Protein backbone atom coordinates (compact mmCIF):
# COMPACT_ATOMS: atom_id res chain seq x y z
CA MET A 1 -28.64 -29.54 46.92
CA PRO A 2 -29.39 -28.09 50.32
CA THR A 3 -31.31 -30.23 52.74
CA PRO A 4 -34.54 -28.70 53.83
CA SER A 5 -37.28 -31.01 54.89
CA ARG A 6 -39.82 -30.97 52.20
CA PRO A 7 -41.61 -27.85 51.07
CA PRO A 8 -45.02 -28.24 49.47
CA ARG A 9 -43.81 -29.89 46.26
CA ALA A 10 -41.45 -27.00 45.76
CA SER A 11 -38.26 -28.81 45.02
CA ALA A 12 -36.64 -32.16 44.78
CA ARG A 13 -33.68 -32.85 46.95
CA VAL A 14 -32.17 -29.98 48.83
CA LEU A 15 -29.00 -28.59 50.30
CA LEU A 16 -29.22 -26.86 53.64
CA THR A 17 -27.12 -25.86 56.61
CA GLY A 18 -27.10 -23.86 59.74
CA ALA A 19 -26.27 -20.50 58.20
CA ALA A 20 -28.34 -21.26 55.15
CA VAL A 21 -31.56 -22.36 56.80
CA GLY A 22 -33.34 -19.14 55.87
CA LEU A 23 -32.12 -19.31 52.30
CA ALA A 24 -32.87 -22.99 52.21
CA ALA A 25 -36.58 -22.52 52.07
CA ALA A 26 -36.11 -20.85 48.73
CA LEU A 27 -33.43 -23.27 47.64
CA ALA A 28 -35.05 -26.60 48.28
CA PHE A 29 -33.58 -28.36 45.31
CA ALA A 30 -36.02 -29.83 42.90
CA GLY A 31 -34.43 -33.19 42.62
CA CYS A 32 -35.00 -36.40 44.35
CA GLY A 33 -33.14 -38.24 46.88
CA GLY A 34 -33.44 -41.76 48.05
CA GLY A 35 -33.31 -44.80 45.95
CA THR A 36 -37.01 -44.72 45.18
CA GLY A 37 -37.47 -41.18 43.99
CA SER A 38 -40.29 -40.49 46.44
CA ASP A 39 -41.70 -37.07 47.31
CA ASP A 40 -39.42 -37.00 50.34
CA ASP A 41 -36.65 -36.17 47.95
CA SER A 42 -37.86 -32.66 47.72
CA GLY A 43 -34.52 -30.98 47.58
CA GLU A 44 -31.38 -32.71 46.49
CA ALA A 45 -28.62 -30.29 46.03
CA ALA A 46 -26.85 -27.76 48.07
CA GLU A 47 -28.08 -25.33 50.57
CA SER A 48 -26.51 -26.50 53.74
CA ALA A 49 -23.27 -27.37 55.46
CA GLU A 50 -20.90 -25.26 57.49
CA GLU A 51 -17.53 -23.76 56.67
CA THR A 52 -14.36 -25.80 56.82
CA GLU A 53 -10.68 -24.98 56.65
CA THR A 54 -9.70 -28.02 54.64
CA GLU A 55 -8.38 -27.44 51.17
CA MET A 56 -9.46 -29.13 47.98
CA ALA A 57 -6.78 -30.93 46.00
CA ALA A 58 -5.37 -28.16 43.86
CA THR A 59 -5.78 -28.19 40.10
CA PRO A 60 -4.53 -25.39 37.84
CA GLU A 61 -7.40 -23.25 36.62
CA SER A 62 -8.00 -20.81 33.82
CA ALA A 63 -9.69 -17.45 34.28
CA ASP A 64 -13.21 -18.92 33.99
CA GLY A 65 -12.55 -21.53 36.66
CA ALA A 66 -11.93 -24.43 34.27
CA THR A 67 -8.71 -26.40 34.16
CA ARG A 68 -6.46 -25.75 31.18
CA ASP A 69 -6.24 -28.62 28.69
CA ALA A 70 -2.51 -28.83 29.24
CA ASP A 71 -3.08 -29.43 32.95
CA LEU A 72 -5.74 -32.14 32.73
CA ARG A 73 -5.07 -35.22 34.87
CA MET A 74 -5.04 -38.10 32.42
CA ASP A 75 -5.04 -40.65 35.26
CA LEU A 76 -8.49 -39.64 36.53
CA PRO A 77 -11.88 -40.87 35.29
CA THR A 78 -13.48 -38.38 32.90
CA VAL A 79 -17.06 -37.97 31.73
CA LEU A 80 -18.34 -35.96 28.78
CA MET A 81 -21.80 -34.54 29.33
CA ARG A 82 -23.38 -33.12 26.18
CA THR A 83 -26.14 -30.64 26.97
CA SER A 84 -28.47 -28.57 24.83
CA VAL A 85 -26.40 -25.47 25.63
CA GLY A 86 -22.88 -26.89 25.40
CA ASP A 87 -20.60 -29.71 26.53
CA LEU A 88 -19.20 -30.28 30.01
CA ARG A 89 -16.06 -32.31 30.54
CA ILE A 90 -15.99 -33.61 34.09
CA GLU A 91 -13.00 -34.93 36.02
CA LEU A 92 -13.79 -37.33 38.87
CA TYR A 93 -11.92 -38.03 42.14
CA PRO A 94 -12.23 -41.75 43.02
CA GLU A 95 -9.49 -41.65 45.64
CA ASP A 96 -11.38 -39.02 47.63
CA ALA A 97 -14.96 -40.17 46.99
CA PRO A 98 -14.82 -43.81 45.80
CA GLU A 99 -18.45 -44.77 46.44
CA THR A 100 -19.78 -41.49 45.02
CA VAL A 101 -17.68 -41.70 41.87
CA ASP A 102 -18.60 -45.35 41.31
CA ASN A 103 -22.28 -44.49 41.76
CA PHE A 104 -22.07 -41.59 39.28
CA LEU A 105 -20.20 -43.65 36.69
CA ARG A 106 -22.77 -46.44 36.94
CA TYR A 107 -25.58 -43.99 36.21
CA VAL A 108 -23.60 -42.61 33.26
CA GLU A 109 -22.86 -46.06 31.83
CA ASP A 110 -26.50 -47.08 32.24
CA GLY A 111 -27.58 -44.08 30.16
CA PHE A 112 -29.63 -42.85 33.11
CA TYR A 113 -28.76 -39.17 32.62
CA ASP A 114 -29.52 -39.12 28.88
CA GLY A 115 -32.66 -37.07 28.37
CA THR A 116 -32.74 -35.66 31.90
CA ILE A 117 -32.59 -31.93 32.58
CA PHE A 118 -31.04 -29.35 34.86
CA HIS A 119 -34.23 -28.88 36.82
CA ARG A 120 -33.02 -26.47 39.50
CA VAL A 121 -31.07 -23.27 38.83
CA VAL A 122 -30.28 -20.83 41.63
CA ARG A 123 -28.21 -17.94 40.34
CA GLY A 124 -25.09 -17.24 42.37
CA PHE A 125 -25.30 -20.67 43.99
CA VAL A 126 -25.72 -23.90 42.01
CA ILE A 127 -27.27 -25.66 39.04
CA GLN A 128 -28.80 -29.07 39.79
CA GLY A 129 -29.70 -31.99 37.56
CA GLY A 130 -29.79 -35.74 37.16
CA GLY A 131 -33.27 -36.75 38.25
CA PHE A 132 -36.06 -35.37 36.05
CA THR A 133 -37.11 -35.58 32.42
CA ALA A 134 -38.10 -32.53 30.39
CA GLU A 135 -41.72 -33.33 31.31
CA MET A 136 -40.73 -33.04 35.00
CA GLN A 137 -41.18 -36.76 35.54
CA GLU A 138 -38.91 -38.02 38.30
CA LYS A 139 -36.86 -41.06 37.36
CA GLU A 140 -36.57 -44.11 39.58
CA THR A 141 -33.11 -44.50 41.09
CA ARG A 142 -30.96 -47.08 42.82
CA ASP A 143 -30.55 -47.13 46.59
CA PRO A 144 -28.92 -44.06 48.19
CA ILE A 145 -25.22 -43.95 49.01
CA GLN A 146 -23.12 -42.93 51.99
CA ASN A 147 -22.18 -39.27 52.27
CA GLU A 148 -18.43 -38.85 51.60
CA ALA A 149 -18.32 -35.12 52.34
CA ARG A 150 -15.61 -35.72 54.97
CA ASN A 151 -13.04 -36.18 52.19
CA GLY A 152 -11.61 -32.68 52.57
CA LEU A 153 -12.72 -31.47 49.13
CA GLN A 154 -14.47 -28.11 49.12
CA ASN A 155 -17.53 -26.89 47.28
CA LEU A 156 -15.65 -24.47 45.05
CA ARG A 157 -16.82 -22.97 41.77
CA GLY A 158 -17.00 -25.65 39.09
CA THR A 159 -17.00 -28.62 41.46
CA LEU A 160 -19.70 -31.32 41.39
CA SER A 161 -21.39 -32.52 44.56
CA MET A 162 -24.22 -34.89 45.32
CA ALA A 163 -27.67 -33.47 46.06
CA ARG A 164 -29.66 -35.01 48.90
CA THR A 165 -32.52 -34.53 51.35
CA MET A 166 -32.12 -33.64 55.02
CA ASP A 167 -30.89 -37.19 55.58
CA PRO A 168 -27.09 -36.90 55.13
CA HIS A 169 -26.95 -40.33 53.48
CA SER A 170 -29.81 -39.98 50.99
CA ALA A 171 -28.01 -39.03 47.73
CA SER A 172 -28.80 -41.18 44.71
CA SER A 173 -28.58 -39.81 41.16
CA GLN A 174 -28.94 -36.06 41.47
CA PHE A 175 -25.88 -33.82 41.49
CA PHE A 176 -25.16 -30.11 41.35
CA VAL A 177 -22.42 -27.86 40.01
CA ASN A 178 -21.30 -25.01 42.24
CA THR A 179 -21.42 -21.76 40.29
CA LYS A 180 -19.40 -19.98 42.97
CA ASP A 181 -17.39 -20.98 46.03
CA ASN A 182 -19.93 -22.31 48.57
CA PRO A 183 -18.11 -22.99 51.87
CA VAL A 184 -21.52 -23.21 53.59
CA LEU A 185 -21.96 -26.59 51.87
CA ASP A 186 -18.72 -28.11 53.16
CA HIS A 187 -18.50 -30.77 55.86
CA THR A 188 -17.92 -29.49 59.39
CA SER A 189 -19.08 -32.30 61.68
CA PRO A 190 -20.76 -35.75 61.51
CA THR A 191 -24.13 -34.34 62.52
CA PRO A 192 -27.32 -33.89 60.47
CA ARG A 193 -26.58 -30.18 60.13
CA GLY A 194 -22.83 -30.41 59.67
CA TRP A 195 -22.47 -33.30 57.24
CA GLY A 196 -22.33 -31.10 54.17
CA TYR A 197 -22.37 -32.14 50.52
CA ALA A 198 -19.89 -34.57 49.00
CA VAL A 199 -17.63 -33.11 46.30
CA PHE A 200 -16.62 -35.85 43.84
CA GLY A 201 -15.56 -34.11 40.64
CA LYS A 202 -15.05 -30.89 38.75
CA VAL A 203 -15.97 -29.35 35.42
CA VAL A 204 -12.59 -28.99 33.72
CA SER A 205 -13.96 -27.78 30.40
CA GLY A 206 -17.28 -26.14 29.64
CA MET A 207 -17.76 -23.61 32.43
CA GLU A 208 -19.17 -21.24 29.82
CA ALA A 209 -22.04 -23.71 29.43
CA VAL A 210 -22.47 -23.82 33.22
CA ASP A 211 -22.70 -20.03 33.26
CA ARG A 212 -25.21 -20.16 30.41
CA ILE A 213 -27.37 -22.57 32.40
CA GLU A 214 -27.06 -20.41 35.51
CA GLY A 215 -28.27 -17.38 33.57
CA SER A 216 -31.40 -19.12 32.29
CA PRO A 217 -34.79 -17.53 33.10
CA VAL A 218 -36.60 -19.77 35.59
CA VAL A 219 -40.25 -20.52 36.33
CA SER A 220 -42.33 -22.71 38.62
CA ARG A 221 -43.40 -25.91 36.89
CA ALA A 222 -45.18 -29.06 38.04
CA GLY A 223 -44.89 -28.00 41.67
CA HIS A 224 -41.17 -27.20 41.48
CA ASN A 225 -39.48 -23.81 41.70
CA ASP A 226 -36.43 -22.45 39.86
CA VAL A 227 -36.95 -24.64 36.79
CA PRO A 228 -35.39 -23.24 33.57
CA GLU A 229 -38.16 -21.89 31.37
CA VAL A 230 -36.60 -23.54 28.33
CA PRO A 231 -35.58 -27.11 29.28
CA ILE A 232 -31.81 -27.58 29.45
CA VAL A 233 -31.34 -31.19 28.47
CA ILE A 234 -28.47 -33.56 29.16
CA GLU A 235 -28.54 -35.11 25.71
CA GLU A 236 -25.88 -37.72 26.43
CA ALA A 237 -23.34 -38.54 29.12
CA THR A 238 -20.45 -40.84 28.28
CA VAL A 239 -17.38 -42.13 30.11
CA LEU A 240 -14.24 -40.96 28.29
CA SER A 241 -11.81 -42.69 30.62
CA ARG A 242 -11.94 -44.80 33.78
């Protein structure tokens, strides 16, 4: 999620930003980044970006931050992600993040996420997944994609964004779910520090499962920090609609 350089095997794909640099050291996401899944991808989620005044396309929400069934957009691509602690129904925004959504859907259709885990959990921030197996083996990915964080969508609670390294355009398979509003991860300028993290979807059903994941006890494992003690597995991800 954030974008720190690369702590001693302490994470995999990070999210960073000016105001979050101090916190970033602790939040170097344990995911990977580029298309090869090399060590350089030591932090792939969200711990950087600056604040922005742009507003995310509004969608009616229920008290827990999830969209009510009656308000679901039937014209948007939807993915069902079955996890070991509950199902997540994810709405995607191809008009705002076309390359990111296409990339995510390709990984889903290839079965790439099946059997991977949420390998990075930072309470009060994000949960990150999409790159490691339960044995903490990093999966090989396709080439990285362009950062579409300039789309005006904000890193609000329940939204999905791409995790990456300090290189703004290094996201591949790893993603994170914001467990609270994180304006520090939004795009502010086309600079290494201001690029932010690209929002491309939202959990519209299953935020209780997200909260369950966020509350998981974490440990250090295989050189990575903030790994859930009991593996939280993405058992299957399927495209419900395109």
